[in-house]
Every structure is written in C-alpha cells, then in structure tokens.
PDB file of N, CA and C in Angstrom:
ATOM      1  N   MET A   1     -94.459   6.342 113.018  1.00  0.00           N
ATOM      2  CA  MET A   1     -94.353   7.760 112.655  1.00  0.00           C
ATOM      3  C   MET A   1     -94.368   7.884 111.133  1.00  0.00           C
ATOM      4  N   LYS A   2     -95.103   8.854 110.643  1.00  0.00           N
ATOM      5  CA  LYS A   2     -95.280   8.973 109.197  1.00  0.00           C
ATOM      6  C   LYS A   2     -94.378  10.040 108.589  1.00  0.00           C
ATOM      7  N   ASN A   3     -93.504  10.646 109.387  1.00  0.00           N
ATOM      8  CA  ASN A   3     -92.688  11.744 108.878  1.00  0.00           C
ATOM      9  C   ASN A   3     -91.386  11.255 108.261  1.00  0.00           C
ATOM     10  N   GLY A   4     -91.299   9.951 107.966  1.00  0.00           N
ATOM     11  CA  GLY A   4     -90.096   9.423 107.352  1.00  0.00           C
ATOM     12  C   GLY A   4     -88.992   9.177 108.362  1.00  0.00           C
ATOM     13  N   ILE A   5     -89.331   9.239 109.654  1.00  0.00           N
ATOM     14  CA  ILE A   5     -88.335   8.993 110.698  1.00  0.00           C
ATOM     15  C   ILE A   5     -88.378   7.509 111.058  1.00  0.00           C
ATOM     16  N   PRO A   6     -87.230   6.848 111.077  1.00  0.00           N
ATOM     17  CA  PRO A   6     -87.209   5.420 111.396  1.00  0.00           C
ATOM     18  C   PRO A   6     -87.747   5.150 112.796  1.00  0.00           C
ATOM     19  N   GLY A   7     -88.372   3.988 112.982  1.00  0.00           N
ATOM     20  CA  GLY A   7     -88.974   3.656 114.269  1.00  0.00           C
ATOM     21  C   GLY A   7     -87.954   3.535 115.382  1.00  0.00           C
ATOM     22  N   SER A   8     -86.680   3.258 115.043  1.00  0.00           N
ATOM     23  CA  SER A   8     -85.668   3.076 116.077  1.00  0.00           C
ATOM     24  C   SER A   8     -85.407   4.373 116.842  1.00  0.00           C
ATOM     25  N   ILE A   9     -85.801   5.512 116.251  1.00  0.00           N
ATOM     26  CA  ILE A   9     -85.540   6.797 116.902  1.00  0.00           C
ATOM     27  C   ILE A   9     -86.469   6.981 118.101  1.00  0.00           C
ATOM     28  N   ASN A  10     -87.524   6.154 118.188  1.00  0.00           N
ATOM     29  CA  ASN A  10     -88.451   6.260 119.312  1.00  0.00           C
ATOM     30  C   ASN A  10     -87.807   5.786 120.609  1.00  0.00           C
ATOM     31  N   PHE A  11     -86.712   5.048 120.517  1.00  0.00           N
ATOM     32  CA  PHE A  11     -86.050   4.527 121.705  1.00  0.00           C
ATOM     33  C   PHE A  11     -84.749   5.278 121.936  1.00  0.00           C
ATOM     34  N   GLY A  12     -84.475   5.600 123.191  1.00  0.00           N
ATOM     35  CA  GLY A  12     -83.247   6.326 123.505  1.00  0.00           C
ATOM     36  C   GLY A  12     -83.439   7.825 123.373  1.00  0.00           C
ATOM     37  N   PRO A  13     -82.352   8.568 123.240  1.00  0.00           N
ATOM     38  CA  PRO A  13     -82.409  10.034 123.195  1.00  0.00           C
ATOM     39  C   PRO A  13     -83.060  10.565 121.926  1.00  0.00           C
ATOM     40  N   GLY A  14     -83.286   9.702 120.944  1.00  0.00           N
ATOM     41  CA  GLY A  14     -83.869  10.158 119.683  1.00  0.00           C
ATOM     42  C   GLY A  14     -85.242  10.780 119.873  1.00  0.00           C
ATOM     43  N   ILE A  15     -86.036  10.215 120.794  1.00  0.00           N
ATOM     44  CA  ILE A  15     -87.393  10.721 121.009  1.00  0.00           C
ATOM     45  C   ILE A  15     -87.351  12.147 121.541  1.00  0.00           C
ATOM     46  N   PHE A  16     -86.370  12.451 122.376  1.00  0.00           N
ATOM     47  CA  PHE A  16     -86.262  13.814 122.901  1.00  0.00           C
ATOM     48  C   PHE A  16     -85.866  14.779 121.789  1.00  0.00           C
ATOM     49  N   PHE A  17     -85.032  14.304 120.869  1.00  0.00           N
ATOM     50  CA  PHE A  17     -84.609  15.141 119.744  1.00  0.00           C
ATOM     51  C   PHE A  17     -85.800  15.468 118.858  1.00  0.00           C
ATOM     52  N   VAL A  18     -86.651  14.471 118.606  1.00  0.00           N
ATOM     53  CA  VAL A  18     -87.843  14.687 117.781  1.00  0.00           C
ATOM     54  C   VAL A  18     -88.789  15.656 118.478  1.00  0.00           C
ATOM     55  N   LYS A  19     -88.961  15.482 119.796  1.00  0.00           N
ATOM     56  CA  LYS A  19     -89.838  16.395 120.542  1.00  0.00           C
ATOM     57  C   LYS A  19     -89.285  17.807 120.490  1.00  0.00           C
ATOM     58  N   PHE A  20     -87.957  17.939 120.591  1.00  0.00           N
ATOM     59  CA  PHE A  20     -87.330  19.262 120.551  1.00  0.00           C
ATOM     60  C   PHE A  20     -87.553  19.916 119.192  1.00  0.00           C
ATOM     61  N   LEU A  21     -87.405  19.121 118.121  1.00  0.00           N
ATOM     62  CA  LEU A  21     -87.619  19.663 116.775  1.00  0.00           C
ATOM     63  C   LEU A  21     -89.060  20.131 116.613  1.00  0.00           C
ATOM     64  N   ARG A  22     -90.000  19.352 117.132  1.00  0.00           N
ATOM     65  CA  ARG A  22     -91.411  19.733 117.008  1.00  0.00           C
ATOM     66  C   ARG A  22     -91.694  20.993 117.808  1.00  0.00           C
ATOM     67  N   LEU A  23     -91.099  21.093 119.000  1.00  0.00           N
ATOM     68  CA  LEU A  23     -91.320  22.287 119.820  1.00  0.00           C
ATOM     69  C   LEU A  23     -90.776  23.521 119.124  1.00  0.00           C
ATOM     70  N   THR A  24     -89.594  23.409 118.522  1.00  0.00           N
ATOM     71  CA  THR A  24     -89.001  24.568 117.851  1.00  0.00           C
ATOM     72  C   THR A  24     -89.819  24.951 116.623  1.00  0.00           C
ATOM     73  N   SER A  25     -90.329  23.953 115.898  1.00  0.00           N
ATOM     74  CA  SER A  25     -91.139  24.265 114.712  1.00  0.00           C
ATOM     75  C   SER A  25     -92.437  24.957 115.122  1.00  0.00           C
ATOM     76  N   VAL A  26     -93.039  24.498 116.213  1.00  0.00           N
ATOM     77  CA  VAL A  26     -94.265  25.139 116.708  1.00  0.00           C
ATOM     78  C   VAL A  26     -93.955  26.554 117.173  1.00  0.00           C
ATOM     79  N   PHE A  27     -92.810  26.731 117.826  1.00  0.00           N
ATOM     80  CA  PHE A  27     -92.435  28.059 118.322  1.00  0.00           C
ATOM     81  C   PHE A  27     -92.225  29.034 117.170  1.00  0.00           C
ATOM     82  N   THR A  28     -91.541  28.574 116.118  1.00  0.00           N
ATOM     83  CA  THR A  28     -91.288  29.457 114.972  1.00  0.00           C
ATOM     84  C   THR A  28     -92.590  29.792 114.258  1.00  0.00           C
ATOM     85  N   SER A  29     -93.491  28.819 114.168  1.00  0.00           N
ATOM     86  CA  SER A  29     -94.778  29.090 113.513  1.00  0.00           C
ATOM     87  C   SER A  29     -95.584  30.093 114.336  1.00  0.00           C
ATOM     88  N   TRP A  30     -95.498  30.001 115.666  1.00  0.00           N
ATOM     89  CA  TRP A  30     -96.193  30.963 116.527  1.00  0.00           C
ATOM     90  C   TRP A  30     -95.611  32.353 116.333  1.00  0.00           C
ATOM     91  N   LYS A  31     -94.291  32.446 116.205  1.00  0.00           N
ATOM     92  CA  LYS A  31     -93.657  33.756 115.993  1.00  0.00           C
ATOM     93  C   LYS A  31     -94.130  34.361 114.676  1.00  0.00           C
ATOM     94  N   LYS A  32     -94.277  33.515 113.658  1.00  0.00           N
ATOM     95  CA  LYS A  32     -94.757  34.008 112.363  1.00  0.00           C
ATOM     96  C   LYS A  32     -96.200  34.493 112.491  1.00  0.00           C
ATOM     97  N   LEU A  33     -97.010  33.765 113.263  1.00  0.00           N
ATOM     98  CA  LEU A  33     -98.412  34.166 113.442  1.00  0.00           C
ATOM     99  C   LEU A  33     -98.492  35.491 114.199  1.00  0.00           C
ATOM    100  N   LEU A  34     -97.625  35.646 115.207  1.00  0.00           N
ATOM    101  CA  LEU A  34     -97.648  36.881 115.994  1.00  0.00           C
ATOM    102  C   LEU A  34     -97.190  38.064 115.148  1.00  0.00           C
ATOM    103  N   LYS A  35     -96.233  37.829 114.254  1.00  0.00           N
ATOM    104  CA  LYS A  35     -95.746  38.911 113.383  1.00  0.00           C
ATOM    105  C   LYS A  35     -96.811  39.301 112.370  1.00  0.00           C
ATOM    106  N   GLY A  36     -97.606  38.333 111.959  1.00  0.00           N
ATOM    107  CA  GLY A  36     -98.623  38.606 110.948  1.00  0.00           C
ATOM    108  C   GLY A  36     -98.039  38.398 109.568  1.00  0.00           C
ATOM    109  N   PRO A  37     -98.852  38.588 108.537  1.00  0.00           N
ATOM    110  CA  PRO A  37     -98.367  38.392 107.167  1.00  0.00           C
ATOM    111  C   PRO A  37     -97.290  39.405 106.807  1.00  0.00           C
ATOM    112  N   PRO A  38     -96.282  38.979 106.066  1.00  0.00           N
ATOM    113  CA  PRO A  38     -95.176  39.876 105.691  1.00  0.00           C
ATOM    114  C   PRO A  38     -95.624  40.977 104.733  1.00  0.00           C
TER     115      PRO A  38
END
C-alpha cells in the first residue's frame, strides 16, 4: 500500500478499518459532487 499505511494492517481487523475509511471518503466526495461547487 502506498498511502503510508504499514503492511501489517492488511492482516486482522485493520483491513476492514481501511476499507471503511475508503468507503466514507468516497461517500463524502459523492456528497460534495451532488451538492455541486460551493
């Protein structure tokens, strides 16, 4: 992973945490796109 996250996070519950963070970031970016430019 190139995002500065240690490789050990790929094992155990860490991978779910990373997936959750990515999902939330995608969701927030979608909300910004739906709102349009400020």
